[in-house]
Amino acid sequence: MGGHVEHITIDSESEIDATPTAQPHRTTLHSYTFATRPQGFITELSILEGHYLGVRCIRPDAGQCQYQFDLRFANPTPVRVRYIPWAWLVVATGLAALGSGALASAWSAGTSALRLGAIGAVLAASMSIIALYEAIRRTTESLQFRSVHGNAMLVSVTGGLGSTRRHKKFFAELTGNINAARHARPQQKQQFLRDEMREHFRLRQLGMLSDKEYEASKARILAAH
């Protein structure tokens, strides 16, 4: 697969050799690590000289990955995605309702059953609190930075609940670098589209984009021409 070459054609322009090239070493200007302990997600982002982003990620289900990409092709407005473990919330709600029901039944049954009902309600409430805590602990927030025209996911940063607010200073710096990248190396639209497609092709060769994601992004770039 490493020797595969794709010729990219946009409109009547000549074919472009999209053979992926090795990325040179770039100095790290600023790096930040995001960790989500319950899920075991670790993502390290490094802002590199020349307005590039280095990504190193660890996923329990997918192993490690490491790559970098040109920030010119990133949309400065990220997509926010929140994962909520609804099963834990349903359990917490059910236990709370069970405890309330047990206490109400014991109350109406009279003094003899009140103590047992109170004990059951306390146990159910305690378990409900534990389930609610687990729901909050397992809730994650992700910021997905996608490409400008291809809308392919270039990087996804996952953290715990409220992590995007806690790390807003870094994300503001990253957004500033995305905007600065376009101004530092301005291009006509057709050339930009060709280079964006090259970048998508390179990321596919690295395994960061699946064939399906690459073809979908390629179609969007061609449609933007």
N, C-alpha and C. Protein backbone atom coordinates (compact mmCIF):
# COMPACT_ATOMS: atom_id res chain seq x y z
N MET A 1 0.82 -1.20 0.00
CA MET A 1 0.00 0.00 0.00
C MET A 1 0.86 1.25 0.00
N GLY A 2 2.06 1.15 0.59
CA GLY A 2 2.94 2.30 0.67
C GLY A 2 3.38 2.78 -0.69
N GLY A 3 3.36 1.91 -1.73
CA GLY A 3 3.79 2.32 -3.04
C GLY A 3 2.67 2.80 -3.93
N HIS A 4 1.46 2.87 -3.40
CA HIS A 4 0.32 3.25 -4.22
C HIS A 4 0.40 4.73 -4.59
N VAL A 5 0.08 5.05 -5.83
CA VAL A 5 0.09 6.43 -6.31
C VAL A 5 -1.28 6.74 -6.88
N GLU A 6 -1.80 7.90 -6.53
CA GLU A 6 -3.09 8.31 -7.08
C GLU A 6 -2.89 9.61 -7.84
N HIS A 7 -3.49 9.70 -9.02
CA HIS A 7 -3.42 10.92 -9.81
C HIS A 7 -4.71 11.70 -9.61
N ILE A 8 -4.58 12.91 -9.07
CA ILE A 8 -5.73 13.73 -8.73
C ILE A 8 -5.96 14.75 -9.84
N THR A 9 -7.17 14.79 -10.33
CA THR A 9 -7.52 15.75 -11.37
C THR A 9 -8.67 16.61 -10.89
N ILE A 10 -8.51 17.90 -10.96
CA ILE A 10 -9.60 18.83 -10.65
C ILE A 10 -9.83 19.69 -11.88
N ASP A 11 -11.05 19.56 -12.43
CA ASP A 11 -11.44 20.28 -13.64
C ASP A 11 -10.48 19.93 -14.77
N SER A 12 -10.00 20.93 -15.48
CA SER A 12 -9.17 20.66 -16.65
C SER A 12 -7.69 20.72 -16.33
N GLU A 13 -7.38 20.87 -15.04
CA GLU A 13 -5.96 20.93 -14.67
C GLU A 13 -5.29 19.58 -14.94
N SER A 14 -3.99 19.61 -15.11
CA SER A 14 -3.26 18.37 -15.37
C SER A 14 -3.27 17.48 -14.15
N GLU A 15 -3.01 16.21 -14.36
CA GLU A 15 -3.00 15.26 -13.26
C GLU A 15 -1.90 15.59 -12.28
N ILE A 16 -2.16 15.30 -11.01
CA ILE A 16 -1.22 15.60 -9.94
C ILE A 16 -0.77 14.31 -9.30
N ASP A 17 0.51 14.12 -9.21
CA ASP A 17 1.05 12.94 -8.55
C ASP A 17 0.87 13.11 -7.05
N ALA A 18 0.04 12.21 -6.45
CA ALA A 18 -0.26 12.33 -5.02
C ALA A 18 0.53 11.33 -4.19
N THR A 19 1.71 10.97 -4.66
CA THR A 19 2.53 10.06 -3.89
C THR A 19 2.86 10.67 -2.53
N PRO A 20 2.55 9.99 -1.42
CA PRO A 20 2.83 10.58 -0.11
C PRO A 20 4.31 10.75 0.14
N THR A 21 4.69 11.85 0.76
CA THR A 21 6.09 12.11 1.06
C THR A 21 6.29 12.08 2.57
N ALA A 22 7.51 11.78 2.98
CA ALA A 22 7.82 11.73 4.40
C ALA A 22 7.73 13.13 5.01
N GLN A 23 7.24 13.20 6.23
CA GLN A 23 7.12 14.48 6.91
C GLN A 23 8.44 14.83 7.60
N PRO A 24 8.95 16.03 7.37
CA PRO A 24 10.22 16.41 8.01
C PRO A 24 10.03 16.66 9.50
N HIS A 25 11.15 16.65 10.21
CA HIS A 25 11.09 16.95 11.64
C HIS A 25 10.77 18.43 11.84
N ARG A 26 9.87 18.72 12.75
CA ARG A 26 9.50 20.10 13.05
C ARG A 26 9.59 20.33 14.56
N THR A 27 10.03 21.50 14.93
CA THR A 27 10.18 21.84 16.34
C THR A 27 8.82 22.01 17.01
N THR A 28 8.68 21.44 18.20
CA THR A 28 7.44 21.57 18.96
C THR A 28 7.41 22.90 19.69
N LEU A 29 6.35 23.66 19.46
CA LEU A 29 6.20 24.96 20.11
C LEU A 29 5.40 24.86 21.40
N HIS A 30 4.41 23.98 21.42
CA HIS A 30 3.55 23.84 22.59
C HIS A 30 2.84 22.50 22.49
N SER A 31 2.78 21.79 23.58
CA SER A 31 2.09 20.49 23.56
C SER A 31 1.16 20.39 24.76
N TYR A 32 0.15 19.56 24.62
CA TYR A 32 -0.84 19.39 25.68
C TYR A 32 -1.34 17.95 25.63
N THR A 33 -1.55 17.37 26.80
CA THR A 33 -2.02 15.98 26.89
C THR A 33 -3.40 15.94 27.51
N PHE A 34 -4.29 15.20 26.86
CA PHE A 34 -5.66 15.01 27.33
C PHE A 34 -5.83 13.54 27.67
N ALA A 35 -6.32 13.27 28.88
CA ALA A 35 -6.51 11.89 29.32
C ALA A 35 -7.92 11.69 29.84
N THR A 36 -8.54 10.59 29.46
CA THR A 36 -9.85 10.21 29.96
C THR A 36 -9.67 8.87 30.65
N ARG A 37 -9.57 8.88 31.96
CA ARG A 37 -9.16 7.70 32.71
C ARG A 37 -10.09 6.50 32.59
N PRO A 38 -11.41 6.64 32.80
CA PRO A 38 -12.25 5.43 32.75
C PRO A 38 -12.15 4.69 31.43
N GLN A 39 -12.08 5.46 30.31
CA GLN A 39 -12.02 4.83 28.99
C GLN A 39 -10.60 4.54 28.54
N GLY A 40 -9.61 5.14 29.20
CA GLY A 40 -8.22 4.90 28.83
C GLY A 40 -7.77 5.64 27.59
N PHE A 41 -8.48 6.73 27.21
CA PHE A 41 -8.08 7.52 26.05
C PHE A 41 -6.99 8.51 26.45
N ILE A 42 -5.93 8.56 25.68
CA ILE A 42 -4.88 9.56 25.89
C ILE A 42 -4.56 10.19 24.53
N THR A 43 -4.61 11.50 24.47
CA THR A 43 -4.30 12.22 23.23
C THR A 43 -3.31 13.33 23.54
N GLU A 44 -2.21 13.34 22.82
CA GLU A 44 -1.22 14.41 22.98
C GLU A 44 -1.17 15.22 21.69
N LEU A 45 -1.45 16.51 21.80
CA LEU A 45 -1.40 17.40 20.65
C LEU A 45 -0.19 18.32 20.79
N SER A 46 0.54 18.48 19.70
CA SER A 46 1.72 19.34 19.70
C SER A 46 1.61 20.34 18.54
N ILE A 47 1.61 21.61 18.89
CA ILE A 47 1.64 22.64 17.85
C ILE A 47 3.08 22.77 17.39
N LEU A 48 3.31 22.54 16.10
CA LEU A 48 4.66 22.50 15.55
C LEU A 48 4.94 23.77 14.74
N GLU A 49 6.21 24.02 14.56
CA GLU A 49 6.61 25.18 13.76
C GLU A 49 6.04 25.06 12.35
N GLY A 50 5.74 26.21 11.76
CA GLY A 50 5.19 26.22 10.42
C GLY A 50 3.70 25.96 10.38
N HIS A 51 3.04 26.00 11.54
CA HIS A 51 1.59 25.79 11.64
C HIS A 51 1.18 24.37 11.23
N TYR A 52 1.83 23.41 11.87
CA TYR A 52 1.44 22.01 11.74
C TYR A 52 0.99 21.51 13.12
N LEU A 53 0.24 20.42 13.12
CA LEU A 53 -0.18 19.81 14.38
C LEU A 53 0.31 18.37 14.44
N GLY A 54 1.02 18.03 15.50
CA GLY A 54 1.41 16.65 15.72
C GLY A 54 0.42 15.98 16.65
N VAL A 55 0.06 14.75 16.34
CA VAL A 55 -0.94 14.02 17.12
C VAL A 55 -0.36 12.68 17.53
N ARG A 56 -0.46 12.38 18.83
CA ARG A 56 -0.11 11.05 19.33
C ARG A 56 -1.27 10.60 20.20
N CYS A 57 -1.86 9.47 19.87
CA CYS A 57 -3.04 9.04 20.62
C CYS A 57 -2.93 7.56 20.99
N ILE A 58 -3.56 7.25 22.13
CA ILE A 58 -3.64 5.87 22.62
C ILE A 58 -5.11 5.55 22.85
N ARG A 59 -5.59 4.49 22.22
CA ARG A 59 -6.96 4.03 22.38
C ARG A 59 -6.94 2.55 22.74
N PRO A 60 -7.61 2.14 23.82
CA PRO A 60 -7.59 0.74 24.22
C PRO A 60 -8.05 -0.21 23.12
N ASP A 61 -8.98 0.27 22.28
CA ASP A 61 -9.53 -0.60 21.24
C ASP A 61 -8.78 -0.51 19.91
N ALA A 62 -7.89 0.48 19.79
CA ALA A 62 -7.23 0.68 18.50
C ALA A 62 -5.72 0.86 18.60
N GLY A 63 -5.15 0.73 19.79
CA GLY A 63 -3.72 0.87 19.94
C GLY A 63 -3.26 2.31 19.85
N GLN A 64 -2.04 2.51 19.35
CA GLN A 64 -1.45 3.84 19.29
C GLN A 64 -1.43 4.35 17.85
N CYS A 65 -1.45 5.67 17.73
CA CYS A 65 -1.27 6.28 16.41
C CYS A 65 -0.45 7.56 16.59
N GLN A 66 0.28 7.91 15.56
CA GLN A 66 1.09 9.12 15.60
C GLN A 66 1.20 9.68 14.19
N TYR A 67 0.87 10.94 14.03
CA TYR A 67 0.91 11.57 12.72
C TYR A 67 0.91 13.08 12.90
N GLN A 68 1.07 13.81 11.81
CA GLN A 68 0.97 15.26 11.83
C GLN A 68 0.27 15.71 10.56
N PHE A 69 -0.32 16.89 10.61
CA PHE A 69 -0.99 17.42 9.42
C PHE A 69 -0.89 18.94 9.38
N ASP A 70 -1.08 19.46 8.18
CA ASP A 70 -0.99 20.88 7.90
C ASP A 70 -2.26 21.57 8.39
N LEU A 71 -2.12 22.54 9.28
CA LEU A 71 -3.28 23.21 9.86
C LEU A 71 -4.03 24.09 8.86
N ARG A 72 -3.44 24.33 7.68
CA ARG A 72 -4.18 25.09 6.66
C ARG A 72 -5.49 24.42 6.30
N PHE A 73 -5.51 23.09 6.39
CA PHE A 73 -6.67 22.34 5.90
C PHE A 73 -7.68 22.02 7.00
N ALA A 74 -7.48 22.57 8.19
CA ALA A 74 -8.40 22.32 9.30
C ALA A 74 -9.42 23.44 9.41
N ASN A 75 -10.65 23.08 9.64
CA ASN A 75 -11.70 24.06 9.92
C ASN A 75 -11.48 24.59 11.33
N PRO A 76 -11.38 25.92 11.51
CA PRO A 76 -11.10 26.46 12.85
C PRO A 76 -12.24 26.28 13.84
N THR A 77 -13.43 25.95 13.35
CA THR A 77 -14.58 25.73 14.23
C THR A 77 -14.76 24.24 14.46
N PRO A 78 -14.43 23.74 15.65
CA PRO A 78 -14.53 22.29 15.89
C PRO A 78 -15.98 21.85 16.08
N VAL A 79 -16.19 20.56 15.89
CA VAL A 79 -17.50 19.95 16.14
C VAL A 79 -17.45 19.34 17.54
N ARG A 80 -18.40 19.73 18.38
CA ARG A 80 -18.44 19.22 19.75
C ARG A 80 -19.38 18.01 19.83
N VAL A 81 -18.89 16.92 20.38
CA VAL A 81 -19.68 15.69 20.52
C VAL A 81 -19.64 15.26 21.98
N ARG A 82 -20.79 14.97 22.56
CA ARG A 82 -20.84 14.52 23.95
C ARG A 82 -21.42 13.11 24.01
N TYR A 83 -20.70 12.22 24.69
CA TYR A 83 -21.19 10.86 24.89
C TYR A 83 -21.73 10.75 26.31
N ILE A 84 -22.99 10.34 26.45
CA ILE A 84 -23.63 10.18 27.75
C ILE A 84 -23.98 8.70 27.94
N PRO A 85 -23.51 8.06 29.01
CA PRO A 85 -23.85 6.65 29.27
C PRO A 85 -25.27 6.53 29.82
N TRP A 86 -26.22 6.48 28.92
CA TRP A 86 -27.63 6.51 29.33
C TRP A 86 -28.00 5.33 30.21
N ALA A 87 -27.36 4.18 30.05
CA ALA A 87 -27.70 3.01 30.86
C ALA A 87 -27.49 3.29 32.35
N TRP A 88 -26.38 3.96 32.68
CA TRP A 88 -26.11 4.31 34.07
C TRP A 88 -27.13 5.31 34.60
N LEU A 89 -27.55 6.25 33.76
CA LEU A 89 -28.56 7.22 34.19
C LEU A 89 -29.91 6.56 34.41
N VAL A 90 -30.23 5.59 33.55
CA VAL A 90 -31.50 4.86 33.73
C VAL A 90 -31.47 4.07 35.04
N VAL A 91 -30.33 3.43 35.34
CA VAL A 91 -30.20 2.68 36.59
C VAL A 91 -30.34 3.62 37.79
N ALA A 92 -29.68 4.78 37.72
CA ALA A 92 -29.76 5.74 38.83
C ALA A 92 -31.18 6.22 39.05
N THR A 93 -31.87 6.53 37.96
CA THR A 93 -33.25 6.99 38.07
C THR A 93 -34.16 5.89 38.60
N GLY A 94 -33.96 4.67 38.12
CA GLY A 94 -34.78 3.55 38.57
C GLY A 94 -34.61 3.26 40.05
N LEU A 95 -33.37 3.32 40.53
CA LEU A 95 -33.11 3.07 41.95
C LEU A 95 -33.72 4.17 42.82
N ALA A 96 -33.62 5.41 42.34
CA ALA A 96 -34.21 6.51 43.10
C ALA A 96 -35.72 6.35 43.18
N ALA A 97 -36.34 5.95 42.07
CA ALA A 97 -37.79 5.74 42.07
C ALA A 97 -38.18 4.57 42.96
N LEU A 98 -37.34 3.51 42.93
CA LEU A 98 -37.61 2.33 43.76
C LEU A 98 -37.55 2.68 45.24
N GLY A 99 -36.55 3.47 45.62
CA GLY A 99 -36.43 3.87 47.01
C GLY A 99 -37.58 4.73 47.46
N SER A 100 -38.00 5.67 46.61
CA SER A 100 -39.13 6.53 46.96
C SER A 100 -40.41 5.72 47.09
N GLY A 101 -40.59 4.75 46.17
CA GLY A 101 -41.78 3.90 46.22
C GLY A 101 -41.81 3.04 47.48
N ALA A 102 -40.64 2.50 47.85
CA ALA A 102 -40.57 1.66 49.05
C ALA A 102 -40.90 2.46 50.30
N LEU A 103 -40.40 3.70 50.37
CA LEU A 103 -40.66 4.54 51.54
C LEU A 103 -42.13 4.94 51.61
N ALA A 104 -42.73 5.25 50.46
CA ALA A 104 -44.14 5.63 50.44
C ALA A 104 -45.03 4.46 50.85
N SER A 105 -44.70 3.25 50.38
CA SER A 105 -45.49 2.07 50.73
C SER A 105 -45.38 1.77 52.22
N ALA A 106 -44.16 1.88 52.76
CA ALA A 106 -43.95 1.61 54.18
C ALA A 106 -44.69 2.63 55.04
N TRP A 107 -44.70 3.86 54.59
CA TRP A 107 -45.38 4.92 55.34
C TRP A 107 -46.89 4.64 55.45
N SER A 108 -47.47 4.21 54.33
CA SER A 108 -48.91 3.93 54.33
C SER A 108 -49.25 2.65 55.06
N ALA A 109 -48.28 1.74 55.19
CA ALA A 109 -48.53 0.45 55.85
C ALA A 109 -48.55 0.57 57.37
N GLY A 110 -47.97 1.64 57.87
CA GLY A 110 -47.99 1.83 59.32
C GLY A 110 -46.60 1.78 59.94
N THR A 111 -46.56 1.96 61.25
CA THR A 111 -45.29 2.10 61.97
C THR A 111 -44.41 0.86 61.89
N SER A 112 -45.01 -0.30 61.92
CA SER A 112 -44.24 -1.54 61.93
C SER A 112 -43.39 -1.72 60.68
N ALA A 113 -43.90 -1.27 59.55
CA ALA A 113 -43.16 -1.43 58.28
C ALA A 113 -42.30 -0.22 57.94
N LEU A 114 -42.44 0.85 58.72
CA LEU A 114 -41.75 2.10 58.37
C LEU A 114 -40.23 1.96 58.45
N ARG A 115 -39.76 1.23 59.53
CA ARG A 115 -38.32 1.07 59.67
C ARG A 115 -37.72 0.29 58.50
N LEU A 116 -38.35 -0.81 58.11
CA LEU A 116 -37.85 -1.59 56.97
C LEU A 116 -37.90 -0.78 55.68
N GLY A 117 -38.98 -0.02 55.51
CA GLY A 117 -39.09 0.82 54.31
C GLY A 117 -38.02 1.88 54.28
N ALA A 118 -37.71 2.47 55.44
CA ALA A 118 -36.67 3.50 55.50
C ALA A 118 -35.30 2.91 55.17
N ILE A 119 -35.02 1.71 55.70
CA ILE A 119 -33.73 1.05 55.39
C ILE A 119 -33.62 0.77 53.89
N GLY A 120 -34.71 0.26 53.30
CA GLY A 120 -34.70 -0.02 51.85
C GLY A 120 -34.53 1.24 51.04
N ALA A 121 -35.18 2.34 51.48
CA ALA A 121 -35.06 3.61 50.75
C ALA A 121 -33.65 4.15 50.81
N VAL A 122 -33.01 4.03 51.98
CA VAL A 122 -31.63 4.51 52.12
C VAL A 122 -30.68 3.71 51.24
N LEU A 123 -30.86 2.39 51.21
CA LEU A 123 -30.01 1.54 50.36
C LEU A 123 -30.19 1.88 48.88
N ALA A 124 -31.45 2.03 48.48
CA ALA A 124 -31.73 2.36 47.07
C ALA A 124 -31.15 3.72 46.71
N ALA A 125 -31.30 4.70 47.64
CA ALA A 125 -30.76 6.04 47.38
C ALA A 125 -29.24 6.00 47.27
N SER A 126 -28.59 5.21 48.13
CA SER A 126 -27.12 5.10 48.09
C SER A 126 -26.66 4.50 46.76
N MET A 127 -27.34 3.46 46.35
CA MET A 127 -26.99 2.82 45.07
C MET A 127 -27.28 3.76 43.91
N SER A 128 -28.34 4.56 44.03
CA SER A 128 -28.66 5.52 42.98
C SER A 128 -27.57 6.57 42.85
N ILE A 129 -27.05 7.03 43.99
CA ILE A 129 -25.97 8.02 43.97
C ILE A 129 -24.72 7.45 43.33
N ILE A 130 -24.41 6.19 43.64
CA ILE A 130 -23.23 5.53 43.05
C ILE A 130 -23.40 5.43 41.52
N ALA A 131 -24.59 5.03 41.09
CA ALA A 131 -24.86 4.90 39.66
C ALA A 131 -24.77 6.27 38.97
N LEU A 132 -25.27 7.31 39.64
CA LEU A 132 -25.20 8.67 39.07
C LEU A 132 -23.75 9.13 38.97
N TYR A 133 -22.95 8.81 39.98
CA TYR A 133 -21.54 9.16 39.95
C TYR A 133 -20.84 8.48 38.77
N GLU A 134 -21.15 7.20 38.56
CA GLU A 134 -20.55 6.47 37.44
C GLU A 134 -20.97 7.08 36.10
N ALA A 135 -22.23 7.51 36.02
CA ALA A 135 -22.71 8.13 34.78
C ALA A 135 -21.93 9.40 34.48
N ILE A 136 -21.72 10.22 35.52
CA ILE A 136 -20.97 11.47 35.33
C ILE A 136 -19.51 11.16 34.99
N ARG A 137 -18.93 10.17 35.67
CA ARG A 137 -17.52 9.84 35.45
C ARG A 137 -17.27 9.30 34.04
N ARG A 138 -18.26 8.60 33.49
CA ARG A 138 -18.10 8.00 32.18
C ARG A 138 -18.57 8.89 31.03
N THR A 139 -19.15 10.03 31.35
CA THR A 139 -19.56 10.97 30.31
C THR A 139 -18.32 11.63 29.71
N THR A 140 -18.24 11.70 28.40
CA THR A 140 -17.09 12.30 27.73
C THR A 140 -17.53 13.39 26.77
N GLU A 141 -16.61 14.31 26.53
CA GLU A 141 -16.79 15.36 25.53
C GLU A 141 -15.66 15.26 24.52
N SER A 142 -16.00 15.39 23.26
CA SER A 142 -14.99 15.35 22.21
C SER A 142 -15.08 16.61 21.36
N LEU A 143 -13.92 17.11 20.97
CA LEU A 143 -13.85 18.17 19.98
C LEU A 143 -13.21 17.57 18.73
N GLN A 144 -13.93 17.64 17.63
CA GLN A 144 -13.44 17.08 16.37
C GLN A 144 -13.08 18.22 15.42
N PHE A 145 -11.83 18.25 15.01
CA PHE A 145 -11.39 19.23 14.01
C PHE A 145 -11.44 18.54 12.65
N ARG A 146 -12.23 19.10 11.75
CA ARG A 146 -12.44 18.51 10.44
C ARG A 146 -11.82 19.37 9.34
N SER A 147 -11.63 18.76 8.18
CA SER A 147 -11.00 19.49 7.08
C SER A 147 -11.98 20.49 6.47
N VAL A 148 -11.42 21.48 5.81
CA VAL A 148 -12.20 22.62 5.33
C VAL A 148 -13.27 22.23 4.33
N HIS A 149 -12.87 21.58 3.24
CA HIS A 149 -13.82 21.20 2.19
C HIS A 149 -14.20 19.72 2.25
N GLY A 150 -13.26 18.88 2.64
CA GLY A 150 -13.52 17.44 2.66
C GLY A 150 -14.34 16.98 3.85
N ASN A 151 -14.38 17.79 4.91
CA ASN A 151 -15.12 17.46 6.14
C ASN A 151 -14.68 16.12 6.72
N ALA A 152 -13.42 15.77 6.50
CA ALA A 152 -12.87 14.54 7.10
C ALA A 152 -12.34 14.88 8.48
N MET A 153 -12.47 13.96 9.42
CA MET A 153 -12.00 14.21 10.77
C MET A 153 -10.48 14.11 10.81
N LEU A 154 -9.82 15.22 11.09
CA LEU A 154 -8.36 15.25 11.15
C LEU A 154 -7.85 14.84 12.52
N VAL A 155 -8.57 15.23 13.56
CA VAL A 155 -8.20 14.84 14.92
C VAL A 155 -9.43 14.98 15.81
N SER A 156 -9.56 14.06 16.75
CA SER A 156 -10.63 14.10 17.73
C SER A 156 -10.01 14.05 19.12
N VAL A 157 -10.34 15.03 19.95
CA VAL A 157 -9.80 15.12 21.30
C VAL A 157 -10.92 14.78 22.28
N THR A 158 -10.73 13.73 23.06
CA THR A 158 -11.75 13.26 23.99
C THR A 158 -11.29 13.46 25.43
N GLY A 159 -12.18 14.02 26.23
CA GLY A 159 -11.89 14.23 27.65
C GLY A 159 -13.14 14.02 28.48
N GLY A 160 -13.00 14.17 29.78
CA GLY A 160 -14.13 14.02 30.67
C GLY A 160 -15.08 15.20 30.58
N LEU A 161 -16.17 15.12 31.34
CA LEU A 161 -17.18 16.16 31.34
C LEU A 161 -16.55 17.49 31.77
N GLY A 162 -16.75 18.52 30.95
CA GLY A 162 -16.21 19.85 31.25
C GLY A 162 -14.78 20.06 30.80
N SER A 163 -14.17 19.05 30.15
CA SER A 163 -12.76 19.17 29.77
C SER A 163 -12.54 20.24 28.71
N THR A 164 -13.51 20.44 27.82
CA THR A 164 -13.33 21.45 26.78
C THR A 164 -13.26 22.85 27.38
N ARG A 165 -13.97 23.07 28.48
CA ARG A 165 -13.89 24.38 29.15
C ARG A 165 -12.57 24.52 29.89
N ARG A 166 -12.13 23.44 30.52
CA ARG A 166 -10.87 23.51 31.28
C ARG A 166 -9.67 23.77 30.39
N HIS A 167 -9.73 23.27 29.14
CA HIS A 167 -8.59 23.41 28.24
C HIS A 167 -8.85 24.44 27.13
N LYS A 168 -9.76 25.38 27.40
CA LYS A 168 -10.13 26.32 26.35
C LYS A 168 -8.96 27.20 25.91
N LYS A 169 -7.99 27.44 26.81
CA LYS A 169 -6.83 28.26 26.44
C LYS A 169 -6.03 27.58 25.33
N PHE A 170 -5.82 26.26 25.47
CA PHE A 170 -5.08 25.53 24.43
C PHE A 170 -5.86 25.52 23.13
N PHE A 171 -7.16 25.26 23.20
CA PHE A 171 -7.96 25.21 21.98
C PHE A 171 -8.00 26.58 21.29
N ALA A 172 -7.98 27.66 22.08
CA ALA A 172 -7.92 29.00 21.49
C ALA A 172 -6.61 29.20 20.75
N GLU A 173 -5.51 28.68 21.34
CA GLU A 173 -4.21 28.77 20.67
C GLU A 173 -4.20 27.94 19.38
N LEU A 174 -4.79 26.77 19.44
CA LEU A 174 -4.86 25.91 18.26
C LEU A 174 -5.67 26.58 17.16
N THR A 175 -6.81 27.16 17.52
CA THR A 175 -7.64 27.86 16.53
C THR A 175 -6.88 29.03 15.92
N GLY A 176 -6.12 29.74 16.76
CA GLY A 176 -5.32 30.85 16.24
C GLY A 176 -4.29 30.38 15.24
N ASN A 177 -3.68 29.22 15.49
CA ASN A 177 -2.70 28.67 14.55
C ASN A 177 -3.35 28.21 13.25
N ILE A 178 -4.57 27.70 13.33
CA ILE A 178 -5.29 27.30 12.12
C ILE A 178 -5.53 28.52 11.24
N ASN A 179 -5.99 29.60 11.84
CA ASN A 179 -6.24 30.82 11.08
C ASN A 179 -4.94 31.41 10.54
N ALA A 180 -3.88 31.36 11.35
CA ALA A 180 -2.60 31.91 10.91
C ALA A 180 -2.00 31.10 9.77
N ALA A 181 -2.26 29.79 9.74
CA ALA A 181 -1.70 28.93 8.69
C ALA A 181 -2.19 29.35 7.31
N ARG A 182 -3.47 29.69 7.21
CA ARG A 182 -4.02 30.10 5.91
C ARG A 182 -3.41 31.43 5.46
N HIS A 183 -3.17 32.34 6.40
CA HIS A 183 -2.60 33.64 6.06
C HIS A 183 -1.11 33.53 5.74
N ALA A 184 -0.43 32.58 6.37
CA ALA A 184 1.01 32.43 6.15
C ALA A 184 1.31 31.86 4.77
N ARG A 185 0.44 30.98 4.26
CA ARG A 185 0.66 30.37 2.95
C ARG A 185 -0.61 30.48 2.10
N PRO A 186 -0.95 31.70 1.69
CA PRO A 186 -2.19 31.88 0.92
C PRO A 186 -2.10 31.20 -0.45
N GLN A 187 -3.24 30.70 -0.93
CA GLN A 187 -3.29 30.02 -2.23
C GLN A 187 -4.60 30.35 -2.93
N GLN A 188 -4.56 30.23 -4.26
CA GLN A 188 -5.80 30.28 -5.01
C GLN A 188 -6.63 29.05 -4.69
N LYS A 189 -7.94 29.13 -4.85
CA LYS A 189 -8.82 28.06 -4.41
C LYS A 189 -8.49 26.73 -5.08
N GLN A 190 -8.23 26.73 -6.39
CA GLN A 190 -7.98 25.46 -7.08
C GLN A 190 -6.73 24.77 -6.53
N GLN A 191 -5.67 25.55 -6.30
CA GLN A 191 -4.45 24.96 -5.76
C GLN A 191 -4.69 24.47 -4.33
N PHE A 192 -5.46 25.22 -3.56
CA PHE A 192 -5.77 24.82 -2.19
C PHE A 192 -6.52 23.49 -2.19
N LEU A 193 -7.50 23.34 -3.10
CA LEU A 193 -8.27 22.11 -3.17
C LEU A 193 -7.38 20.92 -3.53
N ARG A 194 -6.45 21.14 -4.46
CA ARG A 194 -5.54 20.05 -4.84
C ARG A 194 -4.65 19.65 -3.67
N ASP A 195 -4.15 20.66 -2.95
CA ASP A 195 -3.28 20.36 -1.81
C ASP A 195 -4.07 19.71 -0.67
N GLU A 196 -5.32 20.13 -0.50
CA GLU A 196 -6.14 19.51 0.54
C GLU A 196 -6.39 18.04 0.20
N MET A 197 -6.60 17.75 -1.07
CA MET A 197 -6.83 16.37 -1.47
C MET A 197 -5.56 15.55 -1.27
N ARG A 198 -4.40 16.14 -1.57
CA ARG A 198 -3.13 15.46 -1.31
C ARG A 198 -3.00 15.11 0.17
N GLU A 199 -3.37 16.07 1.02
CA GLU A 199 -3.26 15.83 2.46
C GLU A 199 -4.19 14.70 2.91
N HIS A 200 -5.38 14.66 2.35
CA HIS A 200 -6.30 13.57 2.65
C HIS A 200 -5.73 12.23 2.20
N PHE A 201 -5.14 12.23 1.03
CA PHE A 201 -4.55 11.00 0.50
C PHE A 201 -3.42 10.52 1.40
N ARG A 202 -2.58 11.45 1.84
CA ARG A 202 -1.47 11.10 2.73
C ARG A 202 -1.99 10.51 4.05
N LEU A 203 -3.05 11.11 4.60
CA LEU A 203 -3.62 10.60 5.85
C LEU A 203 -4.25 9.22 5.65
N ARG A 204 -4.79 8.98 4.47
CA ARG A 204 -5.31 7.64 4.20
C ARG A 204 -4.17 6.63 4.15
N GLN A 205 -3.05 7.01 3.53
CA GLN A 205 -1.90 6.12 3.46
C GLN A 205 -1.36 5.79 4.86
N LEU A 206 -1.51 6.73 5.78
CA LEU A 206 -1.06 6.51 7.15
C LEU A 206 -2.07 5.72 7.98
N GLY A 207 -3.25 5.50 7.42
CA GLY A 207 -4.28 4.78 8.13
C GLY A 207 -5.15 5.65 9.01
N MET A 208 -4.99 6.97 8.91
CA MET A 208 -5.79 7.89 9.72
C MET A 208 -7.19 8.09 9.14
N LEU A 209 -7.32 7.90 7.84
CA LEU A 209 -8.62 7.94 7.17
C LEU A 209 -8.86 6.59 6.52
N SER A 210 -10.07 6.08 6.67
CA SER A 210 -10.42 4.83 5.99
C SER A 210 -10.66 5.12 4.50
N ASP A 211 -10.71 4.07 3.69
CA ASP A 211 -11.00 4.26 2.27
C ASP A 211 -12.34 4.95 2.08
N LYS A 212 -13.32 4.58 2.89
CA LYS A 212 -14.65 5.18 2.78
C LYS A 212 -14.61 6.66 3.13
N GLU A 213 -13.90 7.01 4.20
CA GLU A 213 -13.79 8.41 4.60
C GLU A 213 -13.05 9.22 3.55
N TYR A 214 -12.00 8.61 2.98
CA TYR A 214 -11.23 9.31 1.96
C TYR A 214 -12.08 9.57 0.72
N GLU A 215 -12.79 8.57 0.25
CA GLU A 215 -13.60 8.75 -0.96
C GLU A 215 -14.70 9.79 -0.73
N ALA A 216 -15.29 9.79 0.47
CA ALA A 216 -16.34 10.77 0.78
C ALA A 216 -15.75 12.18 0.79
N SER A 217 -14.59 12.34 1.41
CA SER A 217 -13.97 13.66 1.47
C SER A 217 -13.52 14.12 0.08
N LYS A 218 -13.04 13.18 -0.71
CA LYS A 218 -12.61 13.49 -2.08
C LYS A 218 -13.79 14.00 -2.91
N ALA A 219 -14.95 13.36 -2.74
CA ALA A 219 -16.14 13.79 -3.46
C ALA A 219 -16.56 15.20 -3.04
N ARG A 220 -16.43 15.53 -1.76
CA ARG A 220 -16.80 16.86 -1.28
C ARG A 220 -15.83 17.92 -1.83
N ILE A 221 -14.55 17.56 -1.89
CA ILE A 221 -13.57 18.52 -2.41
C ILE A 221 -13.84 18.79 -3.88
N LEU A 222 -14.11 17.74 -4.65
CA LEU A 222 -14.44 17.92 -6.07
C LEU A 222 -15.70 18.73 -6.25
N ALA A 223 -16.67 18.53 -5.36
CA ALA A 223 -17.93 19.30 -5.45
C ALA A 223 -17.71 20.78 -5.11
N ALA A 224 -16.65 21.06 -4.31
CA ALA A 224 -16.38 22.44 -3.92
C ALA A 224 -15.67 23.21 -5.01
N HIS A 225 -15.21 22.50 -6.05
CA HIS A 225 -14.47 23.16 -7.14
C HIS A 225 -15.39 24.08 -7.95
